[in-house]
Amino acid sequence: MPTLRDVVYESVREGELYERLDRNRVRCFACGHCCPIAEGQPGVCKVRYNRGGTLYVPWGYAGGVQSDPITQGIVQWGAHGFTVWYSCSRFSRVYSSSGMPG
């Protein structure tokens, strides 16, 4: 069974934010750490690595996905049923449990 490192190392391409150093080392500038990375080693991030004096970076897959609704309603229960308040100004109406704008 392949390790996570094996899977990540298959979906890579040559990076752009680096410089070549002596003895097959590279310096990555993708973040503030500015890692000097020796041959065969990863940077602090563990996803960028040096192979043959070239910096390889993740490419071709999603690192994270987030779903967030356009409107976020707040439901409040009151004496006349519930009321929904929408936070988006485009939908700034208040609806009661009768379905009529309140």
Protein backbone atom coordinates (compact mmCIF):
# COMPACT_ATOMS: atom_id res chain seq x y z
CA MET A 1 0.00 0.00 0.00
CA PRO A 2 1.51 3.38 -0.99
CA THR A 3 2.27 5.90 1.72
CA LEU A 4 0.90 9.46 1.69
CA ARG A 5 4.36 10.66 0.64
CA ASP A 6 4.29 8.32 -2.38
CA VAL A 7 0.87 9.61 -3.43
CA VAL A 8 1.87 13.28 -3.02
CA TYR A 9 5.16 12.75 -4.87
CA GLU A 10 3.29 11.40 -7.92
CA SER A 11 1.28 14.64 -8.42
CA VAL A 12 4.04 17.23 -8.73
CA ARG A 13 5.71 19.59 -11.15
CA GLU A 14 8.79 21.78 -11.08
CA GLY A 15 8.35 24.78 -8.82
CA GLU A 16 8.90 28.41 -9.77
CA LEU A 17 9.75 30.04 -6.43
CA TYR A 18 13.23 28.69 -5.80
CA GLU A 19 16.89 29.16 -6.57
CA ARG A 20 19.58 26.56 -7.15
CA LEU A 21 22.43 26.44 -4.65
CA ASP A 22 25.72 24.54 -4.60
CA ARG A 23 25.94 20.76 -4.02
CA ASN A 24 22.52 20.04 -5.59
CA ARG A 25 20.67 22.06 -2.92
CA VAL A 26 17.81 24.51 -3.56
CA ARG A 27 16.28 27.39 -1.58
CA CYS A 28 12.47 27.50 -1.67
CA PHE A 29 10.76 30.91 -1.46
CA ALA A 30 7.15 29.70 -1.31
CA CYS A 31 6.79 30.82 2.32
CA GLY A 32 8.65 32.82 4.93
CA HIS A 33 10.82 29.88 6.02
CA CYS A 34 12.95 30.15 2.83
CA CYS A 35 14.06 26.55 3.30
CA PRO A 36 17.47 25.47 2.05
CA ILE A 37 16.58 21.95 0.93
CA ALA A 38 19.23 19.26 0.44
CA GLU A 39 19.02 16.59 -2.26
CA GLY A 40 16.20 14.10 -1.56
CA GLN A 41 14.79 16.08 1.36
CA PRO A 42 11.47 17.94 1.83
CA GLY A 43 11.06 21.48 3.12
CA VAL A 44 9.39 22.43 6.40
CA CYS A 45 5.97 22.07 4.72
CA LYS A 46 6.69 18.39 3.88
CA VAL A 47 5.10 18.74 0.41
CA ARG A 48 7.84 20.58 -1.53
CA TYR A 49 11.03 18.60 -2.04
CA ASN A 50 14.36 18.59 -3.85
CA ARG A 51 15.07 15.89 -6.43
CA GLY A 52 18.22 16.23 -8.49
CA GLY A 53 18.68 19.92 -7.71
CA THR A 54 15.12 20.79 -8.81
CA LEU A 55 12.31 21.86 -6.47
CA TYR A 56 9.11 19.88 -6.97
CA VAL A 57 5.75 21.20 -5.74
CA PRO A 58 2.22 19.73 -5.46
CA TRP A 59 0.20 20.00 -8.66
CA GLY A 60 -3.06 18.68 -10.07
CA TYR A 61 -5.12 17.93 -6.98
CA ALA A 62 -7.19 19.84 -4.45
CA GLY A 63 -5.52 20.48 -1.12
CA GLY A 64 -8.81 21.40 0.53
CA VAL A 65 -12.45 21.99 -0.29
CA GLN A 66 -14.93 24.14 1.58
CA SER A 67 -18.63 24.63 0.99
CA ASP A 68 -20.25 27.79 2.30
CA PRO A 69 -23.82 28.87 1.47
CA ILE A 70 -24.39 32.25 -0.17
CA THR A 71 -26.89 33.18 2.53
CA GLN A 72 -26.71 32.21 6.14
CA GLY A 73 -30.07 32.35 7.84
CA ILE A 74 -30.73 32.67 11.55
CA VAL A 75 -33.90 31.00 12.78
CA GLN A 76 -35.55 32.48 15.87
CA TRP A 77 -38.62 31.06 17.58
CA GLY A 78 -41.17 33.56 18.87
CA ALA A 79 -44.80 33.91 19.91
CA HIS A 80 -46.03 33.67 16.29
CA GLY A 81 -43.89 30.76 15.09
CA PHE A 82 -40.39 31.15 13.72
CA THR A 83 -38.59 33.98 11.96
CA VAL A 84 -35.67 33.58 9.55
CA TRP A 85 -33.15 36.39 9.25
CA TYR A 86 -30.81 36.29 6.23
CA SER A 87 -27.37 37.87 6.58
CA CYS A 88 -26.96 38.67 2.86
CA SER A 89 -28.32 42.14 2.00
CA ARG A 90 -29.69 40.79 -1.29
CA PHE A 91 -32.03 38.57 0.71
CA SER A 92 -32.66 40.96 3.56
CA ARG A 93 -36.28 40.00 4.12
CA VAL A 94 -37.64 38.46 7.25
CA TYR A 95 -39.98 35.50 6.81
CA SER A 96 -42.33 34.18 9.46
CA SER A 97 -43.71 30.67 9.78
CA SER A 98 -46.78 31.74 7.76
CA GLY A 99 -44.49 32.26 4.75
CA MET A 100 -45.31 35.94 4.39
CA PRO A 101 -42.58 38.57 4.65
CA GLY A 102 -42.68 40.07 8.11
